[in-house]
N, C-alpha and C. Protein backbone atom coordinates (compact mmCIF):
# COMPACT_ATOMS: atom_id res chain seq x y z
N MET A 1 0.94 -0.99 0.02
CA MET A 1 -0.16 -0.04 -0.12
C MET A 1 0.84 1.26 -0.06
N TYR A 2 0.44 2.23 -1.00
CA TYR A 2 1.23 3.32 -0.84
C TYR A 2 0.29 4.43 -0.43
N TYR A 3 1.25 5.46 -0.09
CA TYR A 3 0.51 6.99 0.76
C TYR A 3 0.00 7.45 -0.15
N ASN A 4 0.35 7.80 -1.37
CA ASN A 4 -0.56 8.21 -2.53
C ASN A 4 -1.18 7.95 -3.63
N ASP A 5 -1.85 6.63 -2.49
CA ASP A 5 -2.40 6.13 -3.91
C ASP A 5 -3.81 6.86 -3.86
N HIS A 6 -4.36 6.31 -5.14
CA HIS A 6 -6.10 7.14 -5.53
C HIS A 6 -6.93 5.84 -5.40
N SER A 7 -8.07 6.40 -5.21
CA SER A 7 -9.17 5.55 -4.93
C SER A 7 -9.40 4.67 -6.64
N PRO A 8 -10.35 3.63 -6.30
CA PRO A 8 -10.81 2.46 -5.35
C PRO A 8 -9.67 2.34 -4.31
N PRO A 9 -9.70 2.07 -3.13
CA PRO A 9 -9.11 1.41 -1.97
C PRO A 9 -8.25 0.21 -2.69
N ASP A 10 -6.97 0.32 -2.92
CA ASP A 10 -6.23 -1.27 -3.46
C ASP A 10 -5.03 -1.25 -2.18
N PHE A 11 -4.75 -2.39 -2.88
CA PHE A 11 -2.95 -2.93 -2.36
C PHE A 11 -2.41 -3.26 -3.30
N HIS A 12 -0.87 -3.59 -3.16
CA HIS A 12 -0.22 -4.08 -4.30
C HIS A 12 0.37 -5.31 -3.68
N ALA A 13 0.25 -6.58 -5.15
CA ALA A 13 1.04 -8.02 -4.37
C ALA A 13 2.33 -8.00 -5.44
N LYS A 14 3.33 -8.44 -4.66
CA LYS A 14 4.26 -8.91 -5.71
C LYS A 14 4.37 -10.46 -5.38
N TYR A 15 4.81 -10.91 -6.61
CA TYR A 15 4.91 -12.63 -6.51
C TYR A 15 5.41 -13.35 -7.75
N GLY A 16 6.92 -13.71 -6.91
CA GLY A 16 7.88 -13.82 -8.02
C GLY A 16 8.17 -12.37 -9.30
N GLY A 17 8.49 -12.40 -10.33
CA GLY A 17 8.67 -11.60 -10.91
C GLY A 17 7.48 -10.39 -11.68
N GLU A 18 6.09 -11.02 -10.91
CA GLU A 18 5.15 -10.41 -10.95
C GLU A 18 4.13 -9.44 -9.91
N GLN A 19 3.62 -8.40 -10.53
CA GLN A 19 3.04 -7.47 -9.73
C GLN A 19 2.04 -6.76 -10.23
N ALA A 20 0.92 -7.03 -9.10
CA ALA A 20 -0.44 -6.28 -9.60
C ALA A 20 -0.84 -5.60 -8.23
N SER A 21 -1.62 -4.14 -8.41
CA SER A 21 -2.60 -3.56 -7.78
C SER A 21 -4.05 -4.29 -7.74
N LEU A 22 -4.26 -4.37 -6.37
CA LEU A 22 -5.87 -5.18 -6.75
C LEU A 22 -6.93 -4.34 -5.52
N ARG A 23 -7.98 -4.36 -5.91
CA ARG A 23 -9.24 -3.69 -5.59
C ARG A 23 -8.89 -4.54 -3.73
N ILE A 24 -9.40 -3.49 -2.51
CA ILE A 24 -9.49 -4.28 -1.50
C ILE A 24 -10.99 -5.27 -1.50
N ASP A 25 -11.91 -3.83 -1.70
CA ASP A 25 -13.11 -4.77 -1.49
C ASP A 25 -13.52 -6.37 -2.69
N ASN A 26 -13.12 -6.03 -3.95
CA ASN A 26 -13.64 -7.43 -4.50
C ASN A 26 -12.59 -8.31 -5.17
N GLY A 27 -11.17 -7.51 -4.91
CA GLY A 27 -9.81 -8.22 -5.51
C GLY A 27 -9.69 -7.93 -7.01
N ALA A 28 -10.67 -7.36 -7.47
CA ALA A 28 -10.40 -7.07 -9.06
C ALA A 28 -8.90 -6.34 -9.32
N ILE A 29 -8.34 -6.84 -10.61
CA ILE A 29 -7.00 -6.25 -10.51
C ILE A 29 -6.97 -5.04 -11.41
N LEU A 30 -6.52 -3.84 -10.80
CA LEU A 30 -6.51 -2.55 -11.37
C LEU A 30 -5.37 -2.34 -12.42
N GLU A 31 -4.48 -2.86 -11.85
CA GLU A 31 -3.29 -2.78 -12.93
C GLU A 31 -2.11 -4.08 -12.61
N GLY A 32 -1.79 -4.19 -13.37
CA GLY A 32 -0.66 -5.35 -13.35
C GLY A 32 -1.04 -6.89 -13.66
N ASN A 33 -0.25 -7.71 -13.49
CA ASN A 33 -0.48 -8.88 -13.74
C ASN A 33 0.03 -10.02 -12.68
N LEU A 34 -0.85 -11.24 -11.99
CA LEU A 34 -0.88 -12.13 -11.89
C LEU A 34 -0.78 -13.24 -12.03
N GLY A 35 -0.54 -14.37 -12.03
CA GLY A 35 -0.79 -15.81 -12.51
C GLY A 35 -1.45 -16.36 -11.71
N ALA A 36 -2.55 -17.26 -12.10
CA ALA A 36 -3.29 -17.84 -11.30
C ALA A 36 -3.29 -18.67 -10.15
N ARG A 37 -2.31 -18.83 -9.76
CA ARG A 37 -1.98 -19.74 -8.94
C ARG A 37 -1.66 -18.44 -7.97
N ALA A 38 -1.06 -17.56 -8.03
CA ALA A 38 -0.69 -16.52 -7.01
C ALA A 38 -1.94 -15.72 -6.88
N LEU A 39 -2.51 -15.07 -7.86
CA LEU A 39 -4.21 -14.52 -7.66
C LEU A 39 -5.01 -15.47 -6.49
N ARG A 40 -4.62 -16.76 -6.71
CA ARG A 40 -5.84 -17.11 -5.74
C ARG A 40 -5.03 -17.21 -4.28
N LEU A 41 -3.77 -17.09 -4.78
CA LEU A 41 -3.45 -17.18 -2.93
C LEU A 41 -3.55 -15.45 -2.30
N VAL A 42 -3.16 -14.83 -3.20
CA VAL A 42 -3.09 -13.21 -2.87
C VAL A 42 -5.02 -13.19 -2.46
N ASP A 43 -5.67 -13.72 -3.37
CA ASP A 43 -7.54 -13.24 -2.96
C ASP A 43 -7.75 -14.12 -1.74
N GLU A 44 -6.85 -15.23 -1.65
CA GLU A 44 -7.37 -16.08 0.07
C GLU A 44 -7.13 -15.14 0.94
N TRP A 45 -5.88 -14.34 1.22
CA TRP A 45 -5.20 -13.40 1.99
C TRP A 45 -6.05 -12.02 2.08
N ARG A 46 -6.90 -11.51 1.18
CA ARG A 46 -7.08 -10.54 0.86
C ARG A 46 -8.63 -10.67 2.05
N VAL A 47 -9.38 -11.58 1.57
CA VAL A 47 -10.61 -12.00 2.20
C VAL A 47 -10.38 -11.88 3.76
N LEU A 48 -9.14 -12.84 4.22
CA LEU A 48 -8.82 -12.96 5.61
C LEU A 48 -8.71 -11.71 6.38
N HIS A 49 -8.00 -10.65 5.61
CA HIS A 49 -7.46 -9.48 5.94
C HIS A 49 -8.31 -8.26 5.57
N GLN A 50 -9.30 -8.50 5.21
CA GLN A 50 -9.91 -7.68 4.40
C GLN A 50 -10.35 -5.92 5.07
N ALA A 51 -10.51 -6.26 6.53
CA ALA A 51 -11.07 -5.05 7.08
C ALA A 51 -9.30 -4.38 7.62
N GLU A 52 -8.86 -5.29 7.93
CA GLU A 52 -7.02 -5.03 8.27
C GLU A 52 -6.38 -3.62 7.23
N LEU A 53 -6.68 -4.18 5.62
CA LEU A 53 -6.51 -3.67 4.71
C LEU A 53 -7.02 -2.43 4.54
N LEU A 54 -8.34 -2.35 4.97
CA LEU A 54 -9.42 -1.11 4.73
C LEU A 54 -8.74 -0.34 5.68
N GLU A 55 -8.34 -0.48 6.97
CA GLU A 55 -8.08 0.33 8.05
C GLU A 55 -6.54 0.97 7.71
N ASP A 56 -5.76 0.18 7.18
CA ASP A 56 -4.33 1.01 6.65
C ASP A 56 -4.51 1.51 5.50
N TRP A 57 -5.59 1.56 4.73
CA TRP A 57 -5.87 2.66 3.69
C TRP A 57 -6.06 3.81 4.09
N THR A 58 -7.51 3.82 5.00
CA THR A 58 -7.73 4.95 6.03
C THR A 58 -6.37 5.77 6.44
N ARG A 59 -5.85 4.54 7.00
CA ARG A 59 -4.35 5.22 7.96
C ARG A 59 -3.61 6.07 6.23
N ALA A 60 -3.39 5.28 5.83
CA ALA A 60 -2.25 6.03 4.73
C ALA A 60 -3.09 7.14 4.38
N ARG A 61 -4.30 7.23 4.06
CA ARG A 61 -4.80 8.59 3.20
C ARG A 61 -4.58 9.60 4.55
N ALA A 62 -4.47 9.02 5.71
CA ALA A 62 -4.12 10.20 6.72
C ALA A 62 -2.61 10.53 7.10
N ARG A 63 -2.00 9.99 6.34
CA ARG A 63 -0.97 9.83 6.52
C ARG A 63 0.21 9.29 7.46
N GLN A 64 -0.64 8.34 8.31
CA GLN A 64 -0.14 7.99 9.57
C GLN A 64 0.52 6.69 8.94
N PRO A 65 1.55 6.04 9.90
CA PRO A 65 1.86 4.80 9.98
C PRO A 65 0.73 3.71 9.53
N LEU A 66 1.37 2.74 8.93
CA LEU A 66 0.37 1.61 8.85
C LEU A 66 0.77 0.53 9.49
N ASN A 67 -0.17 -0.51 9.77
CA ASN A 67 -0.32 -1.46 10.27
C ASN A 67 0.33 -2.32 10.15
N LYS A 68 1.34 -3.81 10.44
CA LYS A 68 1.61 -4.54 9.79
C LYS A 68 0.65 -5.73 9.44
N ILE A 69 0.42 -6.55 8.38
CA ILE A 69 -0.53 -7.42 8.16
C ILE A 69 0.19 -8.46 8.11
N GLU A 70 -0.23 -9.41 8.53
CA GLU A 70 0.33 -10.96 8.81
C GLU A 70 0.27 -11.45 7.30
N PRO A 71 1.54 -12.38 6.71
CA PRO A 71 1.35 -13.07 5.39
C PRO A 71 0.57 -14.09 5.39
N LEU A 72 0.23 -14.74 4.37
CA LEU A 72 -0.48 -15.96 4.11
C LEU A 72 0.31 -16.91 4.15
N GLU A 73 0.26 -17.75 5.53
CA GLU A 73 1.06 -19.22 5.73
C GLU A 73 0.23 -20.60 5.07
């Protein structure tokens, strides 16, 4: 997540050499590309941490420090 991001609320995921920006609410890819397996894993993580992602989005917009969100295990 970046402090100068624009709406809609999104986060950035990297896997191998690929990266994408995804919507927090529905997981749609806004920019970039992830393979099918990586996208499934990222979407599983997004669903588990949607409230935390939205909280960090709000914090980023207010220029506050972001909270760490645990990775998918």
